[in-house]
Amino acid sequence: MRITPKLLELWNFGSWRHVKLVLENRGLVLIKGNTGSGKSTLAKALFWNLFGDIPERCGSDEVVNEKEGSNAAVRSVWAIDNDE
């Protein structure tokens, strides 16, 4: 059985006001970008979504986008492939 991410959506999280990533992969997900583009924020959002907490050594000011308001939300969608 293989579980793969299909969607990651963030609202008011880190530097993102709103972002929706649709992952149409069948294997490894690679996210690349310039320094300060929000790659680590995506990882923190996924951690928060999966475990209900922010990673160690990460302050809440790094999570909630105070410019947009105090409500942050993360949604993820996963697919289960039983063909293996």
Protein backbone atom coordinates (compact mmCIF):
# COMPACT_ATOMS: atom_id res chain seq x y z
CA MET A 1 0.00 0.00 0.00
CA ARG A 2 1.26 3.47 -0.91
CA ILE A 3 -0.10 6.76 0.46
CA THR A 4 0.68 9.83 -1.64
CA PRO A 5 -0.15 13.52 -1.18
CA LYS A 6 -2.53 14.96 -3.76
CA LEU A 7 -3.29 18.44 -2.43
CA LEU A 8 -1.94 20.92 0.10
CA GLU A 9 -3.84 24.15 0.70
CA LEU A 10 -2.92 26.93 3.16
CA TRP A 11 -4.74 30.02 4.37
CA ASN A 12 -2.96 32.78 6.35
CA PHE A 13 -0.07 30.46 7.11
CA GLY A 14 3.45 31.91 7.29
CA SER A 15 4.08 34.17 4.32
CA TRP A 16 1.16 32.71 2.38
CA ARG A 17 -2.23 34.44 2.28
CA HIS A 18 -3.63 31.54 0.28
CA VAL A 19 -1.91 28.85 -1.76
CA LYS A 20 -3.22 25.64 -3.26
CA LEU A 21 -0.77 23.01 -4.49
CA VAL A 22 -2.26 20.24 -6.58
CA LEU A 23 0.25 17.38 -6.70
CA GLU A 24 -0.25 15.19 -9.73
CA ASN A 25 2.78 13.03 -9.13
CA ARG A 26 3.10 9.29 -8.91
CA GLY A 27 6.16 9.27 -6.71
CA LEU A 28 8.58 11.72 -5.17
CA VAL A 29 7.50 15.33 -4.56
CA LEU A 30 10.24 17.93 -5.05
CA ILE A 31 9.65 21.54 -4.08
CA LYS A 32 12.35 24.01 -5.04
CA GLY A 33 12.61 27.76 -5.00
CA ASN A 34 14.72 30.74 -4.05
CA THR A 35 15.62 31.57 -0.48
CA GLY A 36 12.63 33.10 1.27
CA SER A 37 10.09 31.78 -1.24
CA GLY A 38 8.16 29.71 1.35
CA LYS A 39 9.49 26.14 1.00
CA SER A 40 10.00 25.72 4.75
CA THR A 41 6.58 27.20 5.40
CA LEU A 42 5.02 24.44 3.30
CA ALA A 43 6.85 21.83 5.37
CA LYS A 44 5.71 23.46 8.64
CA ALA A 45 2.13 23.58 7.36
CA LEU A 46 2.20 19.90 6.47
CA PHE A 47 3.66 19.05 9.90
CA TRP A 48 0.93 21.10 11.61
CA ASN A 49 -1.75 19.44 9.47
CA LEU A 50 -0.53 15.91 10.22
CA PHE A 51 0.42 16.25 13.91
CA GLY A 52 -1.70 19.16 15.19
CA ASP A 53 1.30 21.13 16.43
CA ILE A 54 4.12 23.25 15.05
CA PRO A 55 7.64 21.81 14.79
CA GLU A 56 10.12 22.30 17.66
CA ARG A 57 12.00 25.59 17.64
CA CYS A 58 9.26 27.17 15.53
CA GLY A 59 7.40 30.12 17.02
CA SER A 60 3.73 30.80 16.40
CA ASP A 61 4.73 34.11 14.80
CA GLU A 62 6.29 32.02 12.02
CA VAL A 63 2.99 30.24 11.43
CA VAL A 64 0.12 32.72 11.57
CA ASN A 65 0.16 35.44 8.90
CA GLU A 66 -0.67 38.44 11.13
CA LYS A 67 -1.09 40.74 8.10
CA GLU A 68 -4.12 38.76 6.97
CA GLY A 69 -5.61 37.93 10.37
CA SER A 70 -5.21 35.44 13.14
CA ASN A 71 -6.97 32.47 11.56
CA ALA A 72 -4.61 30.01 9.91
CA ALA A 73 -5.79 26.82 8.23
CA VAL A 74 -4.19 23.93 6.36
CA ARG A 75 -5.92 21.22 4.34
CA SER A 76 -4.35 18.16 2.78
CA VAL A 77 -5.74 15.39 0.61
CA TRP A 78 -4.04 12.01 0.30
CA ALA A 79 -4.55 9.02 -2.00
CA ILE A 80 -4.19 5.38 -1.02
CA ASP A 81 -2.99 2.99 -3.72
CA ASN A 82 -3.62 -0.68 -2.86
CA ASP A 83 -2.23 -2.07 -6.13
CA GLU A 84 1.21 -2.89 -4.77
